Amino acid sequence: MAHSLGRGFIPIRKKGKLPSRVIGQDYQLEYGVDTIEIHADAIGQGNRILLIDDLIATGGTAGAAIDLIRKSGGEVVAAAFVIDLPDIGGAGKLRSKGVKVHTLVEFEGH
């Protein structure tokens, strides 16, 4: 998608997956805590970022990604997902952080 739009791509990965110097953000899981990371020099002050992922469920990972982008000086203009599980409430958590959320399909239930 980034290539098609002629924009940059910033991978956000689980802890220990990226080379070079990184910054991280912890987030709560049902069964503990995990960490996501980005390259420390990936986002400049005021860069406008579109967060894209395949699925929004609890919003834990996406919420941590938003916090990490903001901590890096970026502005999250929106978040887009292929699938939303609205009964779990993740999209609402992102909206409460002031982020516009776009999804292609929704599936009810847990």
PDB file of N, CA and C in Angstrom:
ATOM      1  N   MET A   1       0.826  -1.187   0.000  1.00  0.00           N
ATOM      2  CA  MET A   1       0.000   0.000   0.000  1.00  0.00           C
ATOM      3  C   MET A   1       0.872   1.252   0.000  1.00  0.00           C
ATOM      4  N   ALA A   2       1.914   1.259   0.828  1.00  0.00           N
ATOM      5  CA  ALA A   2       2.809   2.416   0.872  1.00  0.00           C
ATOM      6  C   ALA A   2       3.430   2.659  -0.504  1.00  0.00           C
ATOM      7  N   HIS A   3       3.842   1.600  -1.163  1.00  0.00           N
ATOM      8  CA  HIS A   3       4.438   1.725  -2.492  1.00  0.00           C
ATOM      9  C   HIS A   3       3.432   2.318  -3.489  1.00  0.00           C
ATOM     10  N   SER A   4       2.197   1.812  -3.463  1.00  0.00           N
ATOM     11  CA  SER A   4       1.164   2.300  -4.368  1.00  0.00           C
ATOM     12  C   SER A   4       0.850   3.772  -4.143  1.00  0.00           C
ATOM     13  N   LEU A   5       0.916   4.206  -2.898  1.00  0.00           N
ATOM     14  CA  LEU A   5       0.632   5.609  -2.560  1.00  0.00           C
ATOM     15  C   LEU A   5       1.859   6.508  -2.701  1.00  0.00           C
ATOM     16  N   GLY A   6       3.022   5.900  -2.956  1.00  0.00           N
ATOM     17  CA  GLY A   6       4.247   6.685  -3.064  1.00  0.00           C
ATOM     18  C   GLY A   6       4.681   7.267  -1.729  1.00  0.00           C
ATOM     19  N   ARG A   7       4.448   6.524  -0.655  1.00  0.00           N
ATOM     20  CA  ARG A   7       4.768   6.981   0.700  1.00  0.00           C
ATOM     21  C   ARG A   7       5.744   6.026   1.357  1.00  0.00           C
ATOM     22  N   GLY A   8       6.282   6.434   2.475  1.00  0.00           N
ATOM     23  CA  GLY A   8       7.203   5.584   3.224  1.00  0.00           C
ATOM     24  C   GLY A   8       6.468   4.497   3.983  1.00  0.00           C
ATOM     25  N   PHE A   9       7.236   3.488   4.373  1.00  0.00           N
ATOM     26  CA  PHE A   9       6.714   2.363   5.138  1.00  0.00           C
ATOM     27  C   PHE A   9       7.536   2.238   6.416  1.00  0.00           C
ATOM     28  N   ILE A  10       6.872   2.165   7.547  1.00  0.00           N
ATOM     29  CA  ILE A  10       7.534   2.021   8.840  1.00  0.00           C
ATOM     30  C   ILE A  10       7.023   0.752   9.497  1.00  0.00           C
ATOM     31  N   PRO A  11       7.838  -0.285   9.562  1.00  0.00           N
ATOM     32  CA  PRO A  11       7.375  -1.506  10.237  1.00  0.00           C
ATOM     33  C   PRO A  11       7.337  -1.315  11.752  1.00  0.00           C
ATOM     34  N   ILE A  12       6.278  -1.788  12.363  1.00  0.00           N
ATOM     35  CA  ILE A  12       6.146  -1.841  13.819  1.00  0.00           C
ATOM     36  C   ILE A  12       6.085  -3.321  14.150  1.00  0.00           C
ATOM     37  N   ARG A  13       7.062  -3.784  14.917  1.00  0.00           N
ATOM     38  CA  ARG A  13       7.214  -5.231  15.126  1.00  0.00           C
ATOM     39  C   ARG A  13       7.286  -5.572  16.605  1.00  0.00           C
ATOM     40  N   LYS A  14       7.124  -6.850  16.892  1.00  0.00           N
ATOM     41  CA  LYS A  14       7.324  -7.349  18.255  1.00  0.00           C
ATOM     42  C   LYS A  14       8.787  -7.134  18.648  1.00  0.00           C
ATOM     43  N   LYS A  15       9.026  -7.080  19.943  1.00  0.00           N
ATOM     44  CA  LYS A  15      10.354  -6.831  20.485  1.00  0.00           C
ATOM     45  C   LYS A  15      11.378  -7.827  19.921  1.00  0.00           C
ATOM     46  N   GLY A  16      12.544  -7.295  19.515  1.00  0.00           N
ATOM     47  CA  GLY A  16      13.647  -8.118  19.068  1.00  0.00           C
ATOM     48  C   GLY A  16      13.637  -8.493  17.598  1.00  0.00           C
ATOM     49  N   LYS A  17      12.666  -8.027  16.815  1.00  0.00           N
ATOM     50  CA  LYS A  17      12.558  -8.405  15.403  1.00  0.00           C
ATOM     51  C   LYS A  17      13.237  -7.417  14.449  1.00  0.00           C
ATOM     52  N   LEU A  18      13.483  -6.193  14.904  1.00  0.00           N
ATOM     53  CA  LEU A  18      14.052  -5.173  14.027  1.00  0.00           C
ATOM     54  C   LEU A  18      15.547  -5.004  14.272  1.00  0.00           C
ATOM     55  N   PRO A  19      16.316  -4.782  13.194  1.00  0.00           N
ATOM     56  CA  PRO A  19      17.740  -4.480  13.367  1.00  0.00           C
ATOM     57  C   PRO A  19      17.914  -3.006  13.742  1.00  0.00           C
ATOM     58  N   SER A  20      19.079  -2.643  14.159  1.00  0.00           N
ATOM     59  CA  SER A  20      19.442  -1.251  14.449  1.00  0.00           C
ATOM     60  C   SER A  20      18.822  -0.795  15.772  1.00  0.00           C
ATOM     61  N   ARG A  21      18.958   0.494  16.042  1.00  0.00           N
ATOM     62  CA  ARG A  21      18.480   1.086  17.294  1.00  0.00           C
ATOM     63  C   ARG A  21      16.971   1.276  17.229  1.00  0.00           C
ATOM     64  N   VAL A  22      16.264   0.854  18.278  1.00  0.00           N
ATOM     65  CA  VAL A  22      14.802   0.902  18.305  1.00  0.00           C
ATOM     66  C   VAL A  22      14.309   1.617  19.551  1.00  0.00           C
ATOM     67  N   ILE A  23      13.041   2.024  19.501  1.00  0.00           N
ATOM     68  CA  ILE A  23      12.331   2.460  20.701  1.00  0.00           C
ATOM     69  C   ILE A  23      11.102   1.570  20.815  1.00  0.00           C
ATOM     70  N   GLY A  24      10.663   1.333  22.039  1.00  0.00           N
ATOM     71  CA  GLY A  24       9.580   0.392  22.257  1.00  0.00           C
ATOM     72  C   GLY A  24       8.446   0.965  23.070  1.00  0.00           C
ATOM     73  N   GLN A  25       7.352   0.220  23.062  1.00  0.00           N
ATOM     74  CA  GLN A  25       6.159   0.572  23.829  1.00  0.00           C
ATOM     75  C   GLN A  25       5.557  -0.714  24.368  1.00  0.00           C
ATOM     76  N   ASP A  26       5.408  -0.796  25.687  1.00  0.00           N
ATOM     77  CA  ASP A  26       4.747  -1.944  26.302  1.00  0.00           C
ATOM     78  C   ASP A  26       3.236  -1.788  26.182  1.00  0.00           C
ATOM     79  N   TYR A  27       2.540  -2.913  26.152  1.00  0.00           N
ATOM     80  CA  TYR A  27       1.088  -2.896  26.170  1.00  0.00           C
ATOM     81  C   TYR A  27       0.580  -4.148  26.863  1.00  0.00           C
ATOM     82  N   GLN A  28      -0.626  -4.042  27.389  1.00  0.00           N
ATOM     83  CA  GLN A  28      -1.222  -5.099  28.195  1.00  0.00           C
ATOM     84  C   GLN A  28      -1.907  -6.137  27.321  1.00  0.00           C
ATOM     85  N   LEU A  29      -1.648  -7.390  27.617  1.00  0.00           N
ATOM     86  CA  LEU A  29      -2.353  -8.513  27.004  1.00  0.00           C
ATOM     87  C   LEU A  29      -3.251  -9.140  28.058  1.00  0.00           C
ATOM     88  N   GLU A  30      -4.150 -10.019  27.633  1.00  0.00           N
ATOM     89  CA  GLU A  30      -4.993 -10.721  28.602  1.00  0.00           C
ATOM     90  C   GLU A  30      -4.140 -11.505  29.587  1.00  0.00           C
ATOM     91  N   TYR A  31      -3.010 -11.985  29.136  1.00  0.00           N
ATOM     92  CA  TYR A  31      -2.179 -12.890  29.931  1.00  0.00           C
ATOM     93  C   TYR A  31      -0.828 -12.299  30.321  1.00  0.00           C
ATOM     94  N   GLY A  32      -0.635 -11.008  30.166  1.00  0.00           N
ATOM     95  CA  GLY A  32       0.638 -10.399  30.540  1.00  0.00           C
ATOM     96  C   GLY A  32       0.900  -9.111  29.793  1.00  0.00           C
ATOM     97  N   VAL A  33       2.172  -8.846  29.554  1.00  0.00           N
ATOM     98  CA  VAL A  33       2.608  -7.619  28.887  1.00  0.00           C
ATOM     99  C   VAL A  33       3.481  -8.003  27.702  1.00  0.00           C
ATOM    100  N   ASP A  34       3.357  -7.256  26.616  1.00  0.00           N
ATOM    101  CA  ASP A  34       4.224  -7.444  25.453  1.00  0.00           C
ATOM    102  C   ASP A  34       4.775  -6.087  25.049  1.00  0.00           C
ATOM    103  N   THR A  35       5.690  -6.080  24.093  1.00  0.00           N
ATOM    104  CA  THR A  35       6.335  -4.849  23.645  1.00  0.00           C
ATOM    105  C   THR A  35       6.384  -4.833  22.127  1.00  0.00           C
ATOM    106  N   ILE A  36       6.093  -3.662  21.545  1.00  0.00           N
ATOM    107  CA  ILE A  36       6.307  -3.449  20.119  1.00  0.00           C
ATOM    108  C   ILE A  36       7.406  -2.404  19.962  1.00  0.00           C
ATOM    109  N   GLU A  37       8.070  -2.420  18.804  1.00  0.00           N
ATOM    110  CA  GLU A  37       9.193  -1.517  18.569  1.00  0.00           C
ATOM    111  C   GLU A  37       9.155  -0.951  17.151  1.00  0.00           C
ATOM    112  N   ILE A  38       9.789   0.225  16.988  1.00  0.00           N
ATOM    113  CA  ILE A  38      10.077   0.806  15.677  1.00  0.00           C
ATOM    114  C   ILE A  38      11.521   1.285  15.698  1.00  0.00           C
ATOM    115  N   HIS A  39      12.073   1.499  14.513  1.00  0.00           N
ATOM    116  CA  HIS A  39      13.416   2.087  14.450  1.00  0.00           C
ATOM    117  C   HIS A  39      13.372   3.486  15.036  1.00  0.00           C
ATOM    118  N   ALA A  40      14.384   3.817  15.812  1.00  0.00           N
ATOM    119  CA  ALA A  40      14.412   5.088  16.533  1.00  0.00           C
ATOM    120  C   ALA A  40      14.373   6.290  15.597  1.00  0.00           C
ATOM    121  N   ASP A  41      14.882   6.139  14.387  1.00  0.00           N
ATOM    122  CA  ASP A  41      14.934   7.270  13.453  1.00  0.00           C
ATOM    123  C   ASP A  41      13.853   7.208  12.374  1.00  0.00           C
ATOM    124  N   ALA A  42      12.832   6.386  12.566  1.00  0.00           N
ATOM    125  CA  ALA A  42      11.825   6.161  11.526  1.00  0.00           C
ATOM    126  C   ALA A  42      10.837   7.310  11.368  1.00  0.00           C
ATOM    127  N   ILE A  43      10.545   8.020  12.430  1.00  0.00           N
ATOM    128  CA  ILE A  43       9.514   9.058  12.396  1.00  0.00           C
ATOM    129  C   ILE A  43      10.113  10.384  12.823  1.00  0.00           C
ATOM    130  N   GLY A  44       9.894  11.401  12.000  1.00  0.00           N
ATOM    131  CA  GLY A  44      10.347  12.747  12.329  1.00  0.00           C
ATOM    132  C   GLY A  44       9.241  13.536  13.007  1.00  0.00           C
ATOM    133  N   GLN A  45       9.634  14.580  13.692  1.00  0.00           N
ATOM    134  CA  GLN A  45       8.681  15.443  14.380  1.00  0.00           C
ATOM    135  C   GLN A  45       7.636  15.952  13.393  1.00  0.00           C
ATOM    136  N   GLY A  46       6.355  15.725  13.708  1.00  0.00           N
ATOM    137  CA  GLY A  46       5.260  16.212  12.887  1.00  0.00           C
ATOM    138  C   GLY A  46       4.902  15.356  11.683  1.00  0.00           C
ATOM    139  N   ASN A  47       5.613  14.245  11.460  1.00  0.00           N
ATOM    140  CA  ASN A  47       5.251  13.354  10.349  1.00  0.00           C
ATOM    141  C   ASN A  47       3.825  12.854  10.541  1.00  0.00           C
ATOM    142  N   ARG A  48       3.078  12.858   9.465  1.00  0.00           N
ATOM    143  CA  ARG A  48       1.684  12.390   9.495  1.00  0.00           C
ATOM    144  C   ARG A  48       1.677  10.911   9.125  1.00  0.00           C
ATOM    145  N   ILE A  49       1.083  10.087  10.000  1.00  0.00           N
ATOM    146  CA  ILE A  49       1.152   8.633   9.886  1.00  0.00           C
ATOM    147  C   ILE A  49      -0.240   8.038   9.757  1.00  0.00           C
ATOM    148  N   LEU A  50      -0.386   7.104   8.806  1.00  0.00           N
ATOM    149  CA  LEU A  50      -1.582   6.279   8.688  1.00  0.00           C
ATOM    150  C   LEU A  50      -1.210   4.896   9.191  1.00  0.00           C
ATOM    151  N   LEU A  51      -1.851   4.456  10.259  1.00  0.00           N
ATOM    152  CA  LEU A  51      -1.605   3.132  10.835  1.00  0.00           C
ATOM    153  C   LEU A  51      -2.493   2.117  10.119  1.00  0.00           C
ATOM    154  N   ILE A  52      -1.884   1.053   9.591  1.00  0.00           N
ATOM    155  CA  ILE A  52      -2.636   0.032   8.859  1.00  0.00           C
ATOM    156  C   ILE A  52      -2.305  -1.336   9.431  1.00  0.00           C
ATOM    157  N   ASP A  53      -3.358  -2.145   9.658  1.00  0.00           N
ATOM    158  CA  ASP A  53      -3.177  -3.521  10.124  1.00  0.00           C
ATOM    159  C   ASP A  53      -4.323  -4.357   9.572  1.00  0.00           C
ATOM    160  N   ASP A  54      -4.194  -5.662   9.710  1.00  0.00           N
ATOM    161  CA  ASP A  54      -5.222  -6.542   9.161  1.00  0.00           C
ATOM    162  C   ASP A  54      -6.467  -6.626  10.032  1.00  0.00           C
ATOM    163  N   LEU A  55      -6.306  -6.555  11.370  1.00  0.00           N
ATOM    164  CA  LEU A  55      -7.409  -6.841  12.283  1.00  0.00           C
ATOM    165  C   LEU A  55      -7.375  -5.907  13.481  1.00  0.00           C
ATOM    166  N   ILE A  56      -8.546  -5.403  13.870  1.00  0.00           N
ATOM    167  CA  ILE A  56      -8.688  -4.670  15.125  1.00  0.00           C
ATOM    168  C   ILE A  56      -9.646  -5.474  16.004  1.00  0.00           C
ATOM    169  N   ALA A  57      -9.128  -5.918  17.137  1.00  0.00           N
ATOM    170  CA  ALA A  57      -9.933  -6.703  18.079  1.00  0.00           C
ATOM    171  C   ALA A  57     -10.005  -5.939  19.395  1.00  0.00           C
ATOM    172  N   THR A  58      -9.071  -6.196  20.313  1.00  0.00           N
ATOM    173  CA  THR A  58      -9.097  -5.502  21.608  1.00  0.00           C
ATOM    174  C   THR A  58      -8.535  -4.091  21.518  1.00  0.00           C
ATOM    175  N   GLY A  59      -7.722  -3.829  20.507  1.00  0.00           N
ATOM    176  CA  GLY A  59      -7.103  -2.519  20.362  1.00  0.00           C
ATOM    177  C   GLY A  59      -5.794  -2.378  21.101  1.00  0.00           C
ATOM    178  N   GLY A  60      -5.330  -3.442  21.754  1.00  0.00           N
ATOM    179  CA  GLY A  60      -4.093  -3.352  22.534  1.00  0.00           C
ATOM    180  C   GLY A  60      -2.871  -3.033  21.703  1.00  0.00           C
ATOM    181  N   THR A  61      -2.651  -3.795  20.647  1.00  0.00           N
ATOM    182  CA  THR A  61      -1.473  -3.575  19.802  1.00  0.00           C
ATOM    183  C   THR A  61      -1.584  -2.253  19.054  1.00  0.00           C
ATOM    184  N   ALA A  62      -2.739  -1.980  18.478  1.00  0.00           N
ATOM    185  CA  ALA A  62      -2.920  -0.735  17.733  1.00  0.00           C
ATOM    186  C   ALA A  62      -2.807   0.477  18.661  1.00  0.00           C
ATOM    187  N   GLY A  63      -3.357   0.367  19.861  1.00  0.00           N
ATOM    188  CA  GLY A  63      -3.235   1.467  20.829  1.00  0.00           C
ATOM    189  C   GLY A  63      -1.792   1.724  21.210  1.00  0.00           C
ATOM    190  N   ALA A  64      -1.033   0.648  21.406  1.00  0.00           N
ATOM    191  CA  ALA A  64       0.392   0.795  21.713  1.00  0.00           C
ATOM    192  C   ALA A  64       1.133   1.403  20.529  1.00  0.00           C
ATOM    193  N   ALA A  65       0.756   1.024  19.302  1.00  0.00           N
ATOM    194  CA  ALA A  65       1.385   1.599  18.106  1.00  0.00           C
ATOM    195  C   ALA A  65       1.112   3.097  18.033  1.00  0.00           C
ATOM    196  N   ILE A  66      -0.097   3.512  18.350  1.00  0.00           N
ATOM    197  CA  ILE A  66      -0.433   4.936  18.363  1.00  0.00           C
ATOM    198  C   ILE A  66       0.420   5.668  19.391  1.00  0.00           C
ATOM    199  N   ASP A  67       0.529   5.098  20.597  1.00  0.00           N
ATOM    200  CA  ASP A  67       1.360   5.713  21.634  1.00  0.00           C
ATOM    201  C   ASP A  67       2.812   5.815  21.187  1.00  0.00           C
ATOM    202  N   LEU A  68       3.313   4.777  20.536  1.00  0.00           N
ATOM    203  CA  LEU A  68       4.695   4.745  20.075  1.00  0.00           C
ATOM    204  C   LEU A  68       4.932   5.782  18.977  1.00  0.00           C
ATOM    205  N   ILE A  69       4.009   5.900  18.038  1.00  0.00           N
ATOM    206  CA  ILE A  69       4.116   6.903  16.973  1.00  0.00           C
ATOM    207  C   ILE A  69       4.128   8.301  17.577  1.00  0.00           C
ATOM    208  N   ARG A  70       3.242   8.556  18.517  1.00  0.00           N
ATOM    209  CA  ARG A  70       3.174   9.872  19.156  1.00  0.00           C
ATOM    210  C   ARG A  70       4.432  10.147  19.974  1.00  0.00           C
ATOM    211  N   LYS A  71       4.928   9.134  20.673  1.00  0.00           N
ATOM    212  CA  LYS A  71       6.162   9.288  21.454  1.00  0.00           C
ATOM    213  C   LYS A  71       7.337   9.645  20.547  1.00  0.00           C
ATOM    214  N   SER A  72       7.283   9.182  19.296  1.00  0.00           N
ATOM    215  CA  SER A  72       8.337   9.447  18.327  1.00  0.00           C
ATOM    216  C   SER A  72       8.187  10.804  17.646  1.00  0.00           C
ATOM    217  N   GLY A  73       7.114  11.523  17.951  1.00  0.00           N
ATOM    218  CA  GLY A  73       6.904  12.841  17.366  1.00  0.00           C
ATOM    219  C   GLY A  73       5.942  12.854  16.202  1.00  0.00           C
ATOM    220  N   GLY A  74       5.385  11.695  15.840  1.00  0.00           N
ATOM    221  CA  GLY A  74       4.466  11.616  14.714  1.00  0.00           C
ATOM    222  C   GLY A  74       3.031  11.929  15.096  1.00  0.00           C
ATOM    223  N   GLU A  75       2.238  12.229  14.086  1.00  0.00           N
ATOM    224  CA  GLU A  75       0.811  12.487  14.250  1.00  0.00           C
ATOM    225  C   GLU A  75       0.044  11.365  13.552  1.00  0.00           C
ATOM    226  N   VAL A  76      -0.785  10.663  14.284  1.00  0.00           N
ATOM    227  CA  VAL A  76      -1.596   9.589  13.703  1.00  0.00           C
ATOM    228  C   VAL A  76      -2.848  10.234  13.113  1.00  0.00           C
ATOM    229  N   VAL A  77      -2.932  10.252  11.782  1.00  0.00           N
ATOM    230  CA  VAL A  77      -4.076  10.887  11.133  1.00  0.00           C
ATOM    231  C   VAL A  77      -5.274   9.952  11.051  1.00  0.00           C
ATOM    232  N   ALA A  78      -5.031   8.644  11.031  1.00  0.00           N
ATOM    233  CA  ALA A  78      -6.112   7.659  11.008  1.00  0.00           C
ATOM    234  C   ALA A  78      -5.519   6.269  11.172  1.00  0.00           C
ATOM    235  N   ALA A  79      -6.406   5.315  11.442  1.00  0.00           N
ATOM    236  CA  ALA A  79      -6.026   3.904  11.501  1.00  0.00           C
ATOM    237  C   ALA A  79      -6.991   3.149  10.599  1.00  0.00           C
ATOM    238  N   ALA A  80      -6.453   2.225   9.801  1.00  0.00           N
ATOM    239  CA  ALA A  80      -7.274   1.463   8.867  1.00  0.00           C
ATOM    240  C   ALA A  80      -7.025  -0.030   9.060  1.00  0.00           C
ATOM    241  N   PHE A  81      -8.105  -0.798   9.016  1.00  0.00           N
ATOM    242  CA  PHE A  81      -8.034  -2.236   9.242  1.00  0.00           C
ATOM    243  C   PHE A  81      -8.907  -2.943   8.217  1.00  0.00           C
ATOM    244  N   VAL A  82      -8.534  -4.139   7.843  1.00  0.00           N
ATOM    245  CA  VAL A  82      -9.367  -4.939   6.962  1.00  0.00           C
ATOM    246  C   VAL A  82     -10.581  -5.426   7.749  1.00  0.00           C
ATOM    247  N   ILE A  83     -10.355  -5.986   8.938  1.00  0.00           N
ATOM    248  CA  ILE A  83     -11.423  -6.612   9.730  1.00  0.00           C
ATOM    249  C   ILE A  83     -11.563  -5.929  11.086  1.00  0.00           C
ATOM    250  N   ASP A  84     -12.793  -5.676  11.481  1.00  0.00           N
ATOM    251  CA  ASP A  84     -13.110  -5.166  12.816  1.00  0.00           C
ATOM    252  C   ASP A  84     -13.983  -6.202  13.520  1.00  0.00           C
ATOM    253  N   LEU A  85     -13.665  -6.480  14.769  1.00  0.00           N
ATOM    254  CA  LEU A  85     -14.516  -7.288  15.644  1.00  0.00           C
ATOM    255  C   LEU A  85     -15.146  -6.313  16.643  1.00  0.00           C
ATOM    256  N   PRO A  86     -16.236  -5.630  16.257  1.00  0.00           N
ATOM    257  CA  PRO A  86     -16.759  -4.522  17.061  1.00  0.00           C
ATOM    258  C   PRO A  86     -17.216  -4.906  18.455  1.00  0.00           C
ATOM    259  N   ASP A  87     -17.654  -6.151  18.660  1.00  0.00           N
ATOM    260  CA  ASP A  87     -18.117  -6.558  19.981  1.00  0.00           C
ATOM    261  C   ASP A  87     -16.988  -6.576  21.006  1.00  0.00           C
ATOM    262  N   ILE A  88     -15.753  -6.619  20.543  1.00  0.00           N
ATOM    263  CA  ILE A  88     -14.605  -6.631  21.458  1.00  0.00           C
ATOM    264  C   ILE A  88     -14.204  -5.207  21.845  1.00  0.00           C
ATOM    265  N   GLY A  89     -14.494  -4.218  21.004  1.00  0.00           N
ATOM    266  CA  GLY A  89     -14.357  -2.820  21.393  1.00  0.00           C
ATOM    267  C   GLY A  89     -13.053  -2.111  21.076  1.00  0.00           C
ATOM    268  N   GLY A  90     -12.173  -2.721  20.315  1.00  0.00           N
ATOM    269  CA  GLY A  90     -10.887  -2.096  20.031  1.00  0.00           C
ATOM    270  C   GLY A  90     -10.975  -0.801  19.254  1.00  0.00           C
ATOM    271  N   ALA A  91     -11.851  -0.743  18.248  1.00  0.00           N
ATOM    272  CA  ALA A  91     -11.983   0.479  17.455  1.00  0.00           C
ATOM    273  C   ALA A  91     -12.431   1.645  18.329  1.00  0.00           C
ATOM    274  N   GLY A  92     -13.323   1.370  19.264  1.00  0.00           N
ATOM    275  CA  GLY A  92     -13.769   2.415  20.193  1.00  0.00           C
ATOM    276  C   GLY A  92     -12.635   2.938  21.060  1.00  0.00           C
ATOM    277  N   LYS A  93     -11.727   2.047  21.475  1.00  0.00           N
ATOM    278  CA  LYS A  93     -10.565   2.476  22.270  1.00  0.00           C
ATOM    279  C   LYS A  93      -9.679   3.423  21.468  1.00  0.00           C
ATOM    280  N   LEU A  94      -9.520   3.121  20.174  1.00  0.00           N
ATOM    281  CA  LEU A  94      -8.701   4.004  19.338  1.00  0.00           C
ATOM    282  C   LEU A  94      -9.385   5.347  19.128  1.00  0.00           C
ATOM    283  N   ARG A  95     -10.694   5.317  18.937  1.00  0.00           N
ATOM    284  CA  ARG A  95     -11.431   6.577  18.791  1.00  0.00           C
ATOM    285  C   ARG A  95     -11.321   7.427  20.053  1.00  0.00           C
ATOM    286  N   SER A  96     -11.295   6.776  21.223  1.00  0.00           N
ATOM    287  CA  SER A  96     -11.155   7.531  22.481  1.00  0.00           C
ATOM    288  C   SER A  96      -9.779   8.177  22.593  1.00  0.00           C
ATOM    289  N   LYS A  97      -8.809   7.718  21.794  1.00  0.00           N
ATOM    290  CA  LYS A  97      -7.492   8.351  21.723  1.00  0.00           C
ATOM    291  C   LYS A  97      -7.476   9.469  20.678  1.00  0.00           C
ATOM    292  N   GLY A  98      -8.637   9.746  20.067  1.00  0.00           N
ATOM    293  CA  GLY A  98      -8.735  10.809  19.078  1.00  0.00           C
ATOM    294  C   GLY A  98      -8.315  10.394  17.677  1.00  0.00           C
ATOM    295  N   VAL A  99      -8.350   9.085  17.382  1.00  0.00           N
ATOM    296  CA  VAL A  99      -7.933   8.580  16.079  1.00  0.00           C
ATOM    297  C   VAL A  99      -9.157   8.161  15.270  1.00  0.00           C
ATOM    298  N   LYS A 100      -9.222   8.606  14.015  1.00  0.00           N
ATOM    299  CA  LYS A 100     -10.264   8.147  13.097  1.00  0.00           C
ATOM    300  C   LYS A 100      -9.962   6.701  12.733  1.00  0.00           C
ATOM    301  N   VAL A 101     -10.993   5.848  12.734  1.00  0.00           N
ATOM    302  CA  VAL A 101     -10.821   4.428  12.434  1.00  0.00           C
ATOM    303  C   VAL A 101     -11.653   4.064  11.217  1.00  0.00           C
ATOM    304  N   HIS A 102     -11.012   3.378  10.253  1.00  0.00           N
ATOM    305  CA  HIS A 102     -11.678   2.912   9.050  1.00  0.00           C
ATOM    306  C   HIS A 102     -11.503   1.397   8.958  1.00  0.00           C
ATOM    307  N   THR A 103     -12.581   0.684   8.603  1.00  0.00           N
ATOM    308  CA  THR A 103     -12.506  -0.766   8.426  1.00  0.00           C
ATOM    309  C   THR A 103     -13.259  -1.161   7.173  1.00  0.00           C
ATOM    310  N   LEU A 104     -12.879  -2.309   6.600  1.00  0.00           N
ATOM    311  CA  LEU A 104     -13.576  -2.803   5.406  1.00  0.00           C
ATOM    312  C   LEU A 104     -14.745  -3.702   5.747  1.00  0.00           C
ATOM    313  N   VAL A 105     -14.580  -4.610   6.715  1.00  0.00           N
ATOM    314  CA  VAL A 105     -15.660  -5.529   7.094  1.00  0.00           C
ATOM    315  C   VAL A 105     -15.701  -5.679   8.611  1.00  0.00           C
ATOM    316  N   GLU A 106     -16.873  -6.032   9.115  1.00  0.00           N
ATOM    317  CA  GLU A 106     -17.058  -6.301  10.537  1.00  0.00           C
ATOM    318  C   GLU A 106     -17.634  -7.696  10.707  1.00  0.00           C
ATOM    319  N   PHE A 107     -17.214  -8.363  11.778  1.00  0.00           N
ATOM    320  CA  PHE A 107     -17.763  -9.665  12.135  1.00  0.00           C
ATOM    321  C   PHE A 107     -18.183  -9.604  13.596  1.00  0.00           C
ATOM    322  N   GLU A 108     -19.429  -9.915  13.874  1.00  0.00           N
ATOM    323  CA  GLU A 108     -19.951  -9.897  15.237  1.00  0.00           C
ATOM    324  C   GLU A 108     -19.409 -11.079  16.026  1.00  0.00           C
ATOM    325  N   GLY A 109     -19.420 -10.929  17.336  1.00  0.00           N
ATOM    326  CA  GLY A 109     -19.014 -11.996  18.237  1.00  0.00           C
ATOM    327  C   GLY A 109     -17.581 -11.843  18.690  1.00  0.00           C
ATOM    328  N   HIS A 110     -17.180 -12.765  19.525  1.00  0.00           N
ATOM    329  CA  HIS A 110     -15.829 -12.735  20.099  1.00  0.00           C
ATOM    330  C   HIS A 110     -15.018 -13.788  19.420  1.00  0.00           C
TER     331      HIS A 110
END
